[in-house]
Amino acid sequence: MSTPVKLAIVYYSSTGTITEIAKELNEAGVKAGAEVRLLKVAELAPQAAIDSNPAWAANYAATADTPEATPDDVEWADAVIFGTPTRFGNVSSQLKQFIDTLGGLWAQGKLADKVYSGFVSSATAHAGQESTLLALYNSIHHFGGLTVTPGFTDPNKFTDGNPYGTSHVDAQGSNPVDDVTRTAARIQVERVIRIAGAIKADA
């Protein structure tokens, strides 16, 4: 009997949109038969900045018990899905800081041949979702990792329209994560697990 795919969902979320998508990925990943670790990265912003935004403070408190990711989690995983809000069309500093701690694993070749994917959110449409995912995937190329995107491999992907990864426009918190985004997340995680499983079975 083959062993389950080990999936790490590693994310940063300020006001909670990415947290919600990460939870959907986690639930769908477990249903698809994977062993899943749901992990946040460390917050770098000062407490005063967090407290100045009620949604940020609420998400910070609500995720207090979510384990923080470590390089060991990435080494453990067969597949990693990274999540981040877009920051000027790029990856958040919090997630990037975590990725930058993976240099030791990279030097040992321990990031190579794993499956990687990404998900993202922004406040407005056309606000850098695709460029953020592409920027994230630059790091995966350096890892020697295998980038697995959802593409347009399911008819529902023509509804959300982003072949690079799950994405959501939250409209400054007035547009909660909806069924379109949740469906996109399920499609993505199922494909990641399927391909990671095939690679693992062939190893």
Foldseek 3Di string as FASTA:
>chain_A
DDAAFEEEEEEEDQLCQQVVLLVLLVVLLVVLPHRYQYAYADDDDDPVVQVVDVSRVVVCVVCVPRHHDALVSLLPGLEYEYEAEADQLAGDPRVVVRLVNNVVCLVVLSNAAGEYAYEYEYQDPPRNRVSHLVNVCVSCVSSNYHYDWLAPPDVLCVVVVDRRAQYYHCNSPVRHDDPSSSVRSSSGSSRSRVVSSVSSVVD
